[in-house]
């Protein structure tokens, strides 16, 4: 039975588990989206949601309490200036877990842990990249045929010389 167990030790020592949790929460706030195993994500989610709740009120006490967990000052500042105010009207559930499938090596259940208001920038960036990519492809296409023609002549010349040498060897 699994009654009254407050957390999953993840088969790690206390120091390792605490360091891993701090690193993953910091990465979550830095990138706003991380890929990890399901069990780790569920543990990291608890700490991240408590920190986001604290960051909704920017006070010295809350910053110091969060700084006990997050060592990077830039990420701590981002938490209180960007993430906290974005979540001001939300009462909880600041993160979501999206299932990815199973990892190749050990079949661990992989998930994406992300902030709820995370938006992919791929649509905007692909639209900007498409015209540039087309121009680069055209420029590359123009350069490649010019480079291939001399190389093609050399290979045919070598092929033509090879039968002559073979014929000389036979005689």
N, C-alpha and C. Protein backbone atom coordinates (compact mmCIF):
# COMPACT_ATOMS: atom_id res chain seq x y z
N UNK A 1 0.83 -1.19 0.00
CA UNK A 1 0.00 0.00 0.00
C UNK A 1 0.87 1.24 0.00
N UNK A 2 0.33 2.30 -0.53
CA UNK A 2 1.09 3.53 -0.74
C UNK A 2 0.47 4.69 0.04
N UNK A 3 -0.07 4.41 1.21
CA UNK A 3 -0.74 5.45 1.97
C UNK A 3 0.25 6.41 2.62
N UNK A 4 -0.09 7.67 2.63
CA UNK A 4 0.62 8.71 3.37
C UNK A 4 2.06 8.92 2.90
N UNK A 5 2.39 8.55 1.69
CA UNK A 5 3.71 8.85 1.16
C UNK A 5 3.65 10.23 0.50
N UNK A 6 4.42 11.17 1.02
CA UNK A 6 4.33 12.54 0.57
C UNK A 6 5.03 12.82 -0.73
N UNK A 7 6.02 12.01 -1.10
CA UNK A 7 6.75 12.26 -2.33
C UNK A 7 7.37 10.96 -2.82
N UNK A 8 7.80 11.00 -4.07
CA UNK A 8 8.46 9.86 -4.69
C UNK A 8 9.96 10.06 -4.57
N UNK A 9 10.68 9.18 -3.88
CA UNK A 9 12.12 9.37 -3.73
C UNK A 9 12.92 9.14 -5.02
N UNK A 10 12.30 8.60 -6.04
CA UNK A 10 12.93 8.42 -7.35
C UNK A 10 14.21 7.60 -7.31
N UNK A 11 14.34 6.73 -6.33
CA UNK A 11 15.53 5.86 -6.19
C UNK A 11 16.83 6.66 -6.15
N UNK A 12 16.80 7.80 -5.47
CA UNK A 12 17.98 8.65 -5.36
C UNK A 12 18.19 9.06 -3.91
N UNK A 13 19.42 9.46 -3.59
CA UNK A 13 19.68 9.96 -2.26
C UNK A 13 19.02 11.34 -2.12
N UNK A 14 18.90 11.80 -0.90
CA UNK A 14 18.25 13.08 -0.65
C UNK A 14 18.96 14.23 -1.36
N UNK A 15 20.29 14.25 -1.27
CA UNK A 15 21.05 15.33 -1.89
C UNK A 15 20.90 15.31 -3.41
N UNK A 16 20.95 14.13 -4.01
CA UNK A 16 20.81 14.02 -5.46
C UNK A 16 19.41 14.43 -5.89
N UNK A 17 18.42 13.98 -5.17
CA UNK A 17 17.04 14.30 -5.51
C UNK A 17 16.79 15.80 -5.40
N UNK A 18 17.29 16.42 -4.35
CA UNK A 18 17.10 17.86 -4.16
C UNK A 18 17.81 18.66 -5.25
N UNK A 19 19.03 18.27 -5.59
CA UNK A 19 19.78 18.97 -6.64
C UNK A 19 19.09 18.80 -8.00
N UNK A 20 18.62 17.60 -8.28
CA UNK A 20 17.95 17.35 -9.55
C UNK A 20 16.66 18.16 -9.65
N UNK A 21 15.93 18.22 -8.55
CA UNK A 21 14.68 18.97 -8.54
C UNK A 21 14.95 20.46 -8.77
N UNK A 22 15.96 21.00 -8.12
CA UNK A 22 16.31 22.41 -8.30
C UNK A 22 16.71 22.69 -9.74
N UNK A 23 17.54 21.81 -10.32
CA UNK A 23 17.98 22.00 -11.70
C UNK A 23 16.81 21.94 -12.67
N UNK A 24 15.91 21.01 -12.45
CA UNK A 24 14.79 20.85 -13.38
C UNK A 24 13.80 22.00 -13.27
N UNK A 25 13.56 22.49 -12.06
CA UNK A 25 12.66 23.64 -11.88
C UNK A 25 13.28 24.88 -12.53
N UNK A 26 14.58 25.06 -12.35
CA UNK A 26 15.26 26.19 -12.98
C UNK A 26 15.17 26.09 -14.50
N UNK A 27 15.36 24.90 -15.03
CA UNK A 27 15.25 24.70 -16.49
C UNK A 27 13.82 24.96 -16.96
N UNK A 28 12.85 24.54 -16.17
CA UNK A 28 11.46 24.76 -16.54
C UNK A 28 11.17 26.26 -16.63
N UNK A 29 11.65 27.03 -15.68
CA UNK A 29 11.41 28.46 -15.71
C UNK A 29 12.24 29.14 -16.80
N UNK A 30 13.41 28.61 -17.12
CA UNK A 30 14.26 29.20 -18.15
C UNK A 30 13.66 28.97 -19.53
N UNK A 31 13.31 27.73 -19.85
CA UNK A 31 12.83 27.39 -21.19
C UNK A 31 11.32 27.30 -21.28
N UNK A 32 10.64 27.27 -20.15
CA UNK A 32 9.19 27.17 -20.03
C UNK A 32 8.64 25.86 -20.59
N UNK A 33 9.52 24.94 -20.93
CA UNK A 33 9.11 23.63 -21.44
C UNK A 33 10.30 22.69 -21.35
N UNK A 34 10.13 21.53 -20.70
CA UNK A 34 11.21 20.56 -20.60
C UNK A 34 10.66 19.16 -20.90
N UNK A 35 11.53 18.28 -21.35
CA UNK A 35 11.17 16.89 -21.61
C UNK A 35 11.85 16.03 -20.57
N UNK A 36 11.09 15.17 -19.90
CA UNK A 36 11.63 14.34 -18.84
C UNK A 36 10.74 13.11 -18.67
N UNK A 37 11.04 12.29 -17.67
CA UNK A 37 10.20 11.14 -17.42
C UNK A 37 8.97 11.57 -16.62
N UNK A 38 7.96 10.73 -16.65
CA UNK A 38 6.69 11.09 -16.01
C UNK A 38 6.85 11.26 -14.50
N UNK A 39 7.56 10.33 -13.86
CA UNK A 39 7.69 10.40 -12.40
C UNK A 39 8.46 11.64 -11.97
N UNK A 40 9.52 12.00 -12.70
CA UNK A 40 10.27 13.21 -12.37
C UNK A 40 9.40 14.45 -12.59
N UNK A 41 8.66 14.45 -13.68
CA UNK A 41 7.81 15.61 -13.99
C UNK A 41 6.78 15.84 -12.90
N UNK A 42 6.19 14.78 -12.39
CA UNK A 42 5.16 14.94 -11.35
C UNK A 42 5.76 15.48 -10.06
N UNK A 43 7.01 15.13 -9.76
CA UNK A 43 7.68 15.65 -8.57
C UNK A 43 8.12 17.10 -8.78
N UNK A 44 8.65 17.41 -9.95
CA UNK A 44 9.10 18.78 -10.24
C UNK A 44 7.92 19.72 -10.28
N UNK A 45 6.81 19.23 -10.76
CA UNK A 45 5.59 20.04 -10.86
C UNK A 45 5.17 20.59 -9.50
N UNK A 46 5.28 19.77 -8.45
CA UNK A 46 4.89 20.22 -7.10
C UNK A 46 5.71 21.44 -6.68
N UNK A 47 7.02 21.34 -6.84
CA UNK A 47 7.89 22.45 -6.43
C UNK A 47 7.67 23.67 -7.31
N UNK A 48 7.51 23.47 -8.60
CA UNK A 48 7.34 24.60 -9.53
C UNK A 48 6.06 25.35 -9.24
N UNK A 49 4.98 24.64 -8.97
CA UNK A 49 3.70 25.31 -8.73
C UNK A 49 3.74 26.10 -7.42
N UNK A 50 4.43 25.59 -6.41
CA UNK A 50 4.55 26.34 -5.16
C UNK A 50 5.35 27.63 -5.37
N UNK A 51 6.41 27.54 -6.19
CA UNK A 51 7.22 28.73 -6.46
C UNK A 51 6.44 29.76 -7.28
N UNK A 52 5.65 29.30 -8.22
CA UNK A 52 4.86 30.23 -9.03
C UNK A 52 3.82 30.93 -8.15
N UNK A 53 3.23 30.19 -7.23
CA UNK A 53 2.26 30.79 -6.30
C UNK A 53 2.94 31.89 -5.48
N UNK A 54 4.16 31.64 -5.02
CA UNK A 54 4.91 32.66 -4.27
C UNK A 54 5.22 33.86 -5.15
N UNK A 55 5.53 33.62 -6.42
CA UNK A 55 5.97 34.70 -7.29
C UNK A 55 4.84 35.64 -7.70
N UNK A 56 3.61 35.28 -7.41
CA UNK A 56 2.49 36.16 -7.75
C UNK A 56 2.49 37.43 -6.91
N UNK A 57 3.08 37.35 -5.71
CA UNK A 57 3.22 38.52 -4.84
C UNK A 57 4.72 38.80 -4.71
N UNK A 58 5.19 39.89 -5.29
CA UNK A 58 6.61 40.20 -5.30
C UNK A 58 6.97 40.94 -4.02
N UNK A 59 7.44 40.18 -3.04
CA UNK A 59 7.89 40.77 -1.78
C UNK A 59 9.28 40.24 -1.47
N UNK A 60 9.97 40.89 -0.55
CA UNK A 60 11.31 40.46 -0.18
C UNK A 60 11.27 39.05 0.41
N UNK A 61 10.29 38.79 1.25
CA UNK A 61 10.17 37.47 1.87
C UNK A 61 9.98 36.38 0.80
N UNK A 62 9.07 36.62 -0.14
CA UNK A 62 8.82 35.62 -1.18
C UNK A 62 10.04 35.42 -2.07
N UNK A 63 10.75 36.48 -2.37
CA UNK A 63 11.96 36.35 -3.19
C UNK A 63 13.02 35.54 -2.45
N UNK A 64 13.16 35.76 -1.17
CA UNK A 64 14.17 35.01 -0.41
C UNK A 64 13.79 33.54 -0.27
N UNK A 65 12.52 33.27 -0.09
CA UNK A 65 12.07 31.88 -0.01
C UNK A 65 12.28 31.17 -1.35
N UNK A 66 12.02 31.85 -2.44
CA UNK A 66 12.23 31.26 -3.76
C UNK A 66 13.72 31.12 -4.05
N UNK A 67 14.53 32.05 -3.56
CA UNK A 67 15.96 32.01 -3.79
C UNK A 67 16.62 30.84 -3.07
N UNK A 68 15.97 30.30 -2.04
CA UNK A 68 16.48 29.10 -1.39
C UNK A 68 16.45 27.92 -2.36
N UNK A 69 15.53 27.95 -3.30
CA UNK A 69 15.35 26.83 -4.23
C UNK A 69 15.99 27.11 -5.58
N UNK A 70 15.91 28.35 -6.06
CA UNK A 70 16.47 28.71 -7.37
C UNK A 70 17.74 29.51 -7.15
N UNK A 71 18.86 29.00 -7.62
CA UNK A 71 20.15 29.63 -7.38
C UNK A 71 20.49 30.70 -8.42
N UNK A 72 19.92 30.61 -9.59
CA UNK A 72 20.23 31.54 -10.68
C UNK A 72 19.43 32.83 -10.53
N UNK A 73 20.13 33.96 -10.40
CA UNK A 73 19.45 35.23 -10.16
C UNK A 73 18.61 35.68 -11.35
N UNK A 74 19.08 35.41 -12.57
CA UNK A 74 18.32 35.80 -13.77
C UNK A 74 16.99 35.07 -13.83
N UNK A 75 17.03 33.79 -13.51
CA UNK A 75 15.80 32.98 -13.56
C UNK A 75 14.87 33.40 -12.42
N UNK A 76 15.43 33.70 -11.26
CA UNK A 76 14.62 34.17 -10.14
C UNK A 76 13.92 35.49 -10.50
N UNK A 77 14.66 36.37 -11.15
CA UNK A 77 14.09 37.64 -11.59
C UNK A 77 13.00 37.41 -12.64
N UNK A 78 13.25 36.48 -13.56
CA UNK A 78 12.24 36.16 -14.58
C UNK A 78 10.97 35.61 -13.94
N UNK A 79 11.14 34.79 -12.91
CA UNK A 79 10.00 34.21 -12.21
C UNK A 79 9.12 35.30 -11.62
N UNK A 80 9.72 36.30 -10.98
CA UNK A 80 8.94 37.33 -10.31
C UNK A 80 8.49 38.46 -11.24
N UNK A 81 9.19 38.70 -12.34
CA UNK A 81 8.80 39.79 -13.22
C UNK A 81 7.96 39.36 -14.41
N UNK A 82 8.13 38.12 -14.89
CA UNK A 82 7.39 37.67 -16.06
C UNK A 82 6.37 36.58 -15.74
N UNK A 83 6.84 35.48 -15.17
CA UNK A 83 5.97 34.31 -14.97
C UNK A 83 4.90 34.57 -13.92
N UNK A 84 5.28 35.13 -12.78
CA UNK A 84 4.32 35.41 -11.72
C UNK A 84 3.18 36.32 -12.16
N UNK A 85 3.47 37.47 -12.76
CA UNK A 85 2.39 38.34 -13.22
C UNK A 85 1.51 37.71 -14.29
N UNK A 86 2.08 36.86 -15.14
CA UNK A 86 1.26 36.19 -16.16
C UNK A 86 0.24 35.25 -15.53
N UNK A 87 0.60 34.68 -14.38
CA UNK A 87 -0.27 33.70 -13.72
C UNK A 87 -1.14 34.34 -12.63
N UNK A 88 -1.17 35.66 -12.57
CA UNK A 88 -1.85 36.39 -11.49
C UNK A 88 -3.31 35.99 -11.34
N UNK A 89 -4.03 35.84 -12.43
CA UNK A 89 -5.47 35.57 -12.36
C UNK A 89 -5.78 34.08 -12.26
N UNK A 90 -4.77 33.21 -12.32
CA UNK A 90 -4.97 31.77 -12.26
C UNK A 90 -4.82 31.28 -10.82
N UNK A 91 -5.71 30.41 -10.37
CA UNK A 91 -5.69 29.94 -8.98
C UNK A 91 -4.87 28.68 -8.76
N UNK A 92 -4.28 28.16 -9.74
CA UNK A 92 -3.49 26.94 -9.61
C UNK A 92 -3.41 26.27 -10.96
N UNK A 93 -2.73 25.15 -11.03
CA UNK A 93 -2.60 24.45 -12.29
C UNK A 93 -1.78 25.24 -13.28
N UNK A 94 -0.58 25.63 -12.88
CA UNK A 94 0.26 26.47 -13.72
C UNK A 94 1.04 25.66 -14.75
N UNK A 95 1.10 24.35 -14.56
CA UNK A 95 1.86 23.51 -15.48
C UNK A 95 0.97 22.44 -16.08
N UNK A 96 1.41 21.88 -17.19
CA UNK A 96 0.70 20.75 -17.80
C UNK A 96 1.71 19.69 -18.18
N UNK A 97 1.25 18.44 -18.20
CA UNK A 97 2.09 17.30 -18.56
C UNK A 97 1.50 16.68 -19.83
N UNK A 98 2.30 16.65 -20.89
CA UNK A 98 1.88 16.07 -22.17
C UNK A 98 2.67 14.78 -22.40
N UNK A 99 1.98 13.70 -22.67
CA UNK A 99 2.64 12.41 -22.86
C UNK A 99 3.28 12.33 -24.24
N UNK A 100 4.50 11.78 -24.28
CA UNK A 100 5.23 11.62 -25.54
C UNK A 100 5.29 10.18 -26.01
N UNK A 101 5.33 9.24 -25.09
CA UNK A 101 5.50 7.84 -25.44
C UNK A 101 6.57 7.24 -24.56
N UNK A 102 7.28 6.25 -25.09
CA UNK A 102 8.27 5.55 -24.30
C UNK A 102 9.66 5.79 -24.86
N UNK A 103 10.64 5.91 -23.95
CA UNK A 103 12.02 6.14 -24.34
C UNK A 103 12.59 4.87 -24.96
N UNK A 104 13.45 5.03 -25.95
CA UNK A 104 13.99 3.91 -26.70
C UNK A 104 14.77 2.93 -25.82
N UNK A 105 15.67 3.42 -25.00
CA UNK A 105 16.59 2.54 -24.29
C UNK A 105 15.96 1.71 -23.19
N UNK A 106 15.16 2.35 -22.33
CA UNK A 106 14.64 1.64 -21.16
C UNK A 106 13.12 1.66 -21.07
N UNK A 107 12.46 2.15 -22.09
CA UNK A 107 10.99 2.19 -22.16
C UNK A 107 10.37 3.01 -21.03
N UNK A 108 11.10 4.03 -20.56
CA UNK A 108 10.55 4.93 -19.55
C UNK A 108 9.49 5.81 -20.20
N UNK A 109 8.44 6.12 -19.44
CA UNK A 109 7.33 6.93 -19.94
C UNK A 109 7.79 8.39 -20.00
N UNK A 110 7.93 8.94 -21.20
CA UNK A 110 8.44 10.29 -21.38
C UNK A 110 7.28 11.28 -21.54
N UNK A 111 7.48 12.49 -20.98
CA UNK A 111 6.47 13.54 -21.03
C UNK A 111 7.13 14.88 -21.27
N UNK A 112 6.31 15.85 -21.65
CA UNK A 112 6.74 17.24 -21.72
C UNK A 112 6.07 17.96 -20.57
N UNK A 113 6.85 18.61 -19.74
CA UNK A 113 6.33 19.45 -18.65
C UNK A 113 6.48 20.89 -19.10
N UNK A 114 5.37 21.62 -19.18
CA UNK A 114 5.43 22.99 -19.65
C UNK A 114 4.49 23.87 -18.86
N UNK A 115 4.76 25.16 -18.90
CA UNK A 115 3.86 26.12 -18.29
C UNK A 115 2.60 26.20 -19.13
N UNK A 116 1.46 26.44 -18.50
CA UNK A 116 0.17 26.39 -19.19
C UNK A 116 0.09 27.41 -20.31
N UNK A 117 0.64 28.60 -20.11
CA UNK A 117 0.52 29.65 -21.13
C UNK A 117 1.66 29.63 -22.14
N UNK A 118 2.40 28.52 -22.20
CA UNK A 118 3.50 28.39 -23.16
C UNK A 118 2.94 28.30 -24.57
N UNK A 119 3.51 29.08 -25.48
CA UNK A 119 3.08 29.06 -26.88
C UNK A 119 4.27 28.74 -27.76
N UNK A 120 4.07 27.87 -28.72
CA UNK A 120 5.12 27.54 -29.66
C UNK A 120 5.34 28.71 -30.60
N UNK A 121 6.58 29.06 -30.83
CA UNK A 121 6.91 30.14 -31.75
C UNK A 121 7.21 29.59 -33.14
N UNK A 122 6.97 28.31 -33.37
CA UNK A 122 7.35 27.69 -34.64
C UNK A 122 6.57 28.25 -35.82
N UNK A 123 5.29 28.58 -35.63
CA UNK A 123 4.49 29.09 -36.75
C UNK A 123 5.03 30.43 -37.23
N UNK A 124 5.30 31.33 -36.33
CA UNK A 124 5.81 32.65 -36.71
C UNK A 124 7.22 32.54 -37.28
N UNK A 125 8.05 31.71 -36.67
CA UNK A 125 9.43 31.61 -37.14
C UNK A 125 9.52 30.89 -38.47
N UNK A 126 8.65 29.91 -38.74
CA UNK A 126 8.71 29.22 -40.04
C UNK A 126 8.24 30.13 -41.16
N UNK A 127 7.27 31.00 -40.88
CA UNK A 127 6.82 31.93 -41.90
C UNK A 127 7.93 32.92 -42.26
N UNK A 128 8.70 33.33 -41.27
CA UNK A 128 9.80 34.24 -41.52
C UNK A 128 10.93 33.53 -42.23
N UNK A 129 11.16 32.26 -41.92
CA UNK A 129 12.26 31.51 -42.49
C UNK A 129 11.98 31.05 -43.91
N UNK A 130 10.73 30.85 -44.28
CA UNK A 130 10.40 30.31 -45.60
C UNK A 130 10.94 31.17 -46.73
N UNK A 131 10.70 32.48 -46.76
CA UNK A 131 11.27 33.27 -47.87
C UNK A 131 12.79 33.24 -47.88
N UNK A 132 13.40 33.31 -46.73
CA UNK A 132 14.86 33.27 -46.65
C UNK A 132 15.37 31.91 -47.10
N UNK A 133 14.70 30.86 -46.73
CA UNK A 133 15.11 29.52 -47.11
C UNK A 133 15.00 29.33 -48.62
N UNK A 134 13.95 29.88 -49.23
CA UNK A 134 13.77 29.77 -50.68
C UNK A 134 14.89 30.49 -51.41
N UNK A 135 15.25 31.69 -50.92
CA UNK A 135 16.32 32.45 -51.55
C UNK A 135 17.64 31.71 -51.45
N UNK A 136 17.90 31.12 -50.28
CA UNK A 136 19.14 30.38 -50.08
C UNK A 136 19.17 29.15 -50.97
N UNK A 137 18.03 28.47 -51.11
CA UNK A 137 17.97 27.28 -51.95
C UNK A 137 18.22 27.63 -53.41
N UNK A 138 17.64 28.76 -53.88
CA UNK A 138 17.86 29.19 -55.26
C UNK A 138 19.33 29.53 -55.48
N UNK A 139 19.93 30.23 -54.53
CA UNK A 139 21.34 30.60 -54.66
C UNK A 139 22.22 29.36 -54.67
N UNK A 140 21.90 28.41 -53.82
CA UNK A 140 22.67 27.17 -53.77
C UNK A 140 22.49 26.37 -55.05
N UNK A 141 21.28 26.37 -55.60
CA UNK A 141 21.01 25.63 -56.83
C UNK A 141 21.78 26.24 -58.00
N UNK A 142 21.90 27.55 -58.02
CA UNK A 142 22.64 28.21 -59.10
C UNK A 142 24.13 27.91 -59.01
N UNK A 143 24.64 27.80 -57.81
CA UNK A 143 26.07 27.55 -57.62
C UNK A 143 26.43 26.09 -57.88
N UNK A 144 25.57 25.17 -57.51
CA UNK A 144 25.89 23.74 -57.62
C UNK A 144 26.08 23.26 -59.05
N UNK A 145 25.20 23.59 -60.02
CA UNK A 145 25.42 23.10 -61.38
C UNK A 145 26.74 23.59 -61.97
N UNK A 146 27.11 24.82 -61.66
CA UNK A 146 28.37 25.35 -62.18
C UNK A 146 29.54 24.57 -61.61
N UNK A 147 29.44 24.16 -60.37
CA UNK A 147 30.52 23.42 -59.73
C UNK A 147 30.54 21.97 -60.21
N UNK A 148 29.39 21.42 -60.58
CA UNK A 148 29.33 20.02 -60.97
C UNK A 148 29.83 19.79 -62.39
N UNK A 149 29.66 20.74 -63.28
CA UNK A 149 30.02 20.54 -64.68
C UNK A 149 31.51 20.25 -64.86
N UNK A 150 32.43 21.01 -64.29
CA UNK A 150 33.85 20.67 -64.46
C UNK A 150 34.18 19.32 -63.83
N UNK A 151 33.58 19.01 -62.71
CA UNK A 151 33.85 17.74 -62.05
C UNK A 151 33.37 16.59 -62.92
N UNK A 152 32.25 16.77 -63.61
CA UNK A 152 31.72 15.71 -64.47
C UNK A 152 32.65 15.47 -65.64
N UNK A 153 33.26 16.51 -66.19
CA UNK A 153 34.17 16.34 -67.32
C UNK A 153 35.41 15.56 -66.90
N UNK A 154 35.90 15.84 -65.72
CA UNK A 154 37.09 15.15 -65.24
C UNK A 154 36.83 13.66 -65.07
N UNK A 155 35.67 13.31 -64.52
CA UNK A 155 35.37 11.89 -64.29
C UNK A 155 35.21 11.15 -65.60
N UNK A 156 34.61 11.78 -66.62
CA UNK A 156 34.46 11.10 -67.91
C UNK A 156 35.82 10.95 -68.58
N UNK A 157 36.70 11.91 -68.39
CA UNK A 157 38.03 11.80 -68.97
C UNK A 157 38.80 10.65 -68.33
N UNK A 158 38.66 10.50 -67.04
CA UNK A 158 39.33 9.40 -66.34
C UNK A 158 38.78 8.07 -66.79
N UNK A 159 37.47 8.02 -66.97
CA UNK A 159 36.85 6.77 -67.41
C UNK A 159 37.32 6.41 -68.82
N UNK A 160 37.49 7.39 -69.67
CA UNK A 160 37.95 7.15 -71.03
C UNK A 160 39.40 6.68 -71.04
N UNK A 161 40.23 7.19 -70.14
CA UNK A 161 41.63 6.79 -70.08
C UNK A 161 41.78 5.39 -69.51
N UNK A 162 40.90 5.00 -68.62
CA UNK A 162 41.01 3.69 -67.97
C UNK A 162 40.91 2.54 -68.97
N UNK A 163 39.98 2.53 -69.93
CA UNK A 163 39.94 1.42 -70.89
C UNK A 163 41.19 1.36 -71.77
N UNK A 164 41.76 2.51 -72.09
CA UNK A 164 42.98 2.51 -72.89
C UNK A 164 44.11 1.84 -72.14
N UNK A 165 44.20 2.13 -70.84
CA UNK A 165 45.25 1.52 -70.03
C UNK A 165 45.00 0.02 -69.90
N UNK A 166 43.77 -0.39 -69.77
CA UNK A 166 43.44 -1.81 -69.69
C UNK A 166 43.78 -2.53 -70.99
N UNK A 167 43.53 -1.87 -72.11
CA UNK A 167 43.82 -2.46 -73.41
C UNK A 167 45.33 -2.60 -73.59
N UNK A 168 46.10 -1.64 -73.10
CA UNK A 168 47.56 -1.69 -73.20
C UNK A 168 48.09 -2.82 -72.34
N UNK A 169 47.48 -3.05 -71.18
CA UNK A 169 47.93 -4.12 -70.30
C UNK A 169 47.64 -5.49 -70.92
N UNK A 170 46.56 -5.63 -71.63
CA UNK A 170 46.18 -6.90 -72.24
C UNK A 170 47.16 -7.27 -73.36
N UNK A 171 47.67 -6.31 -74.10
CA UNK A 171 48.57 -6.59 -75.23
C UNK A 171 49.93 -6.84 -74.74
